[in-house]
Amino acid sequence: MGTIIPFKGNLEKICFYVVLATAISIAAVGTPILVFSLTRNQLIASWKSVSNSYVRGILVRSDRISAELRKETRVLGVLGTNTTDRCSDANIRLMRDVVIRQVDFAVVGYQRDNRLLCSSLGRHPDGIPIGPVTFTAQYTVRTDVHLDFSPDVLFIAV
């Protein structure tokens, strides 16, 4: 029987095995790297898709809440000017109506000097502290509001 791979000399045999070992090494190292790279690219594309979906949802909800807020502040502003008592029974009923109509509003109220004086929950004679203003844009916003009646829930006050 003859050899499967004909070699003329030892040098050719050594070169063949070096080339073969190099090719096997490249395949052994390169395949996992290629798989990792492809998987990584797919994961990044998937994460981008998921994060874009979240961002779209946030923007849609933000636009809806902003439109609801504009509408309800007009209603509260018009009716609130008919009386000097912002915490009148009629105004508190109006605040309750707003909360019932608008699923995104947990509490609607009147504040002065960083205290909630009355709300859709009723009058608050001593006022409930709502903290300082976080930022002002179209509205004055407080992003870290804890109310006495629900201390574990974080509210955003606009």
Protein backbone atom coordinates (compact mmCIF):
# COMPACT_ATOMS: atom_id res chain seq x y z
CA MET A 1 0.00 0.00 0.00
CA GLY A 2 1.12 3.48 -0.80
CA THR A 3 0.72 6.62 1.20
CA ILE A 4 -2.46 8.66 0.76
CA ILE A 5 -0.59 11.98 0.51
CA PRO A 6 2.54 11.70 -1.62
CA PHE A 7 5.49 13.64 -0.25
CA LYS A 8 8.82 14.09 -2.00
CA GLY A 9 10.66 14.75 1.23
CA ASN A 10 10.46 15.53 4.89
CA LEU A 11 10.23 19.29 4.32
CA GLU A 12 7.06 18.92 2.28
CA LYS A 13 5.61 16.66 4.96
CA ILE A 14 6.37 19.20 7.69
CA CYS A 15 4.96 22.08 5.62
CA PHE A 16 1.78 20.11 4.95
CA TYR A 17 1.23 19.37 8.65
CA VAL A 18 2.00 22.98 9.62
CA VAL A 19 -0.53 24.25 7.08
CA LEU A 20 -3.06 21.64 8.23
CA ALA A 21 -2.54 22.52 11.91
CA THR A 22 -2.85 26.23 11.09
CA ALA A 23 -6.10 25.68 9.16
CA ILE A 24 -7.57 23.58 11.99
CA SER A 25 -6.50 26.21 14.56
CA ILE A 26 -8.04 29.02 12.52
CA ALA A 27 -11.26 27.03 12.13
CA ALA A 28 -11.31 26.12 15.84
CA VAL A 29 -10.75 29.73 16.97
CA GLY A 30 -12.48 31.52 14.11
CA THR A 31 -15.77 29.62 14.21
CA PRO A 32 -16.67 30.62 17.80
CA ILE A 33 -15.59 34.20 17.10
CA LEU A 34 -17.77 34.30 13.98
CA VAL A 35 -20.72 32.78 15.86
CA PHE A 36 -20.22 35.23 18.75
CA SER A 37 -20.05 38.17 16.35
CA LEU A 38 -23.19 37.16 14.48
CA THR A 39 -25.07 36.46 17.72
CA ARG A 40 -23.91 39.76 19.19
CA ASN A 41 -25.11 41.65 16.11
CA GLN A 42 -28.50 39.93 16.29
CA LEU A 43 -28.80 40.71 20.01
CA ILE A 44 -27.95 44.36 19.42
CA ALA A 45 -30.55 44.58 16.65
CA SER A 46 -33.12 42.93 18.93
CA TRP A 47 -32.30 45.28 21.83
CA LYS A 48 -32.59 48.29 19.52
CA SER A 49 -35.98 47.07 18.34
CA VAL A 50 -37.23 46.54 21.91
CA SER A 51 -35.88 49.89 23.13
CA ASN A 52 -37.38 51.70 20.12
CA SER A 53 -40.71 50.09 20.93
CA TYR A 54 -40.49 51.33 24.53
CA VAL A 55 -39.52 54.82 23.38
CA ARG A 56 -42.44 54.95 20.93
CA GLY A 57 -44.80 53.87 23.71
CA ILE A 58 -43.44 56.53 26.06
CA LEU A 59 -43.77 59.24 23.41
CA VAL A 60 -47.34 58.22 22.54
CA ARG A 61 -48.33 58.18 26.22
CA SER A 62 -46.55 61.48 26.84
CA ASP A 63 -48.39 63.14 23.94
CA ARG A 64 -51.73 61.76 25.16
CA ILE A 65 -51.13 62.90 28.75
CA SER A 66 -50.01 66.32 27.53
CA ALA A 67 -53.18 66.75 25.47
CA GLU A 68 -55.34 65.58 28.38
CA LEU A 69 -53.52 67.95 30.73
CA ARG A 70 -54.06 70.93 28.41
CA LYS A 71 -57.75 70.12 28.09
CA GLU A 72 -58.34 69.58 31.81
CA THR A 73 -56.36 72.64 32.91
CA ARG A 74 -58.56 74.74 30.62
CA VAL A 75 -61.68 73.22 32.21
CA LEU A 76 -60.35 73.64 35.75
CA GLY A 77 -59.06 77.14 35.01
CA VAL A 78 -62.36 78.39 33.61
CA LEU A 79 -64.50 76.91 36.36
CA GLY A 80 -61.97 77.74 39.06
CA THR A 81 -62.14 81.44 38.26
CA ASN A 82 -65.87 81.52 39.07
CA THR A 83 -65.08 81.32 42.77
CA THR A 84 -62.45 82.70 45.11
CA ASP A 85 -62.38 79.41 47.00
CA ARG A 86 -60.28 76.97 44.94
CA CYS A 87 -61.19 74.28 47.48
CA SER A 88 -64.95 74.76 47.28
CA ASP A 89 -67.19 71.68 47.15
CA ALA A 90 -67.95 72.46 43.48
CA ASN A 91 -64.24 72.60 42.57
CA ILE A 92 -63.48 69.39 44.46
CA ARG A 93 -66.30 67.67 42.56
CA LEU A 94 -64.80 69.01 39.35
CA MET A 95 -61.37 67.60 40.35
CA ARG A 96 -63.00 64.20 41.00
CA ASP A 97 -64.66 64.31 37.59
CA VAL A 98 -61.27 64.90 35.97
CA VAL A 99 -59.73 61.90 37.76
CA ILE A 100 -62.66 59.71 36.67
CA ARG A 101 -62.37 60.86 33.03
CA GLN A 102 -58.59 60.65 32.76
CA VAL A 103 -57.06 57.26 33.45
CA ASP A 104 -53.53 58.71 33.69
CA PHE A 105 -54.35 61.15 36.52
CA ALA A 106 -54.30 59.66 40.03
CA VAL A 107 -55.04 62.86 41.95
CA VAL A 108 -56.01 66.36 40.81
CA GLY A 109 -55.64 69.21 43.26
CA TYR A 110 -54.83 72.80 44.08
CA GLN A 111 -51.41 73.65 45.49
CA ARG A 112 -49.85 76.77 46.91
CA ASP A 113 -46.42 77.24 48.49
CA ASN A 114 -45.40 73.63 47.77
CA ARG A 115 -48.40 72.22 49.66
CA LEU A 116 -51.46 70.42 48.30
CA LEU A 117 -54.38 72.29 49.91
CA CYS A 118 -57.22 70.28 48.41
CA SER A 119 -57.60 67.59 45.81
CA SER A 120 -59.95 65.11 44.22
CA LEU A 121 -59.62 63.29 47.57
CA GLY A 122 -61.01 66.25 49.55
CA ARG A 123 -59.66 69.14 51.61
CA HIS A 124 -56.28 68.98 53.30
CA PRO A 125 -56.51 71.67 56.02
CA ASP A 126 -52.79 71.69 56.88
CA GLY A 127 -51.80 71.01 53.30
CA ILE A 128 -49.78 68.01 52.15
CA PRO A 129 -46.15 68.85 51.34
CA ILE A 130 -45.35 68.12 47.69
CA GLY A 131 -41.76 69.31 47.66
CA PRO A 132 -39.91 71.79 45.48
CA VAL A 133 -40.27 72.20 41.73
CA THR A 134 -37.98 69.86 39.79
CA PHE A 135 -38.18 71.74 36.50
CA THR A 136 -40.36 74.14 34.57
CA ALA A 137 -41.25 73.65 30.92
CA GLN A 138 -44.76 74.13 29.64
CA TYR A 139 -45.86 73.33 33.20
CA THR A 140 -44.22 73.39 36.60
CA VAL A 141 -43.23 69.80 37.35
CA ARG A 142 -42.30 67.96 40.53
CA THR A 143 -40.97 64.45 39.85
CA ASP A 144 -40.45 63.19 43.40
CA VAL A 145 -43.75 63.64 45.22
CA HIS A 146 -44.72 61.37 48.12
CA LEU A 147 -48.20 61.97 49.50
CA ASP A 148 -49.07 61.22 53.14
CA PHE A 149 -51.97 58.94 52.24
CA SER A 150 -49.75 56.77 50.00
CA PRO A 151 -46.10 57.15 51.15
CA ASP A 152 -44.76 54.18 49.14
CA VAL A 153 -46.05 55.51 45.81
CA LEU A 154 -44.08 58.07 43.85
CA PHE A 155 -46.17 60.72 42.10
CA ILE A 156 -45.35 63.30 39.47
CA ALA A 157 -47.06 66.62 40.17
CA VAL A 158 -47.77 68.98 37.29
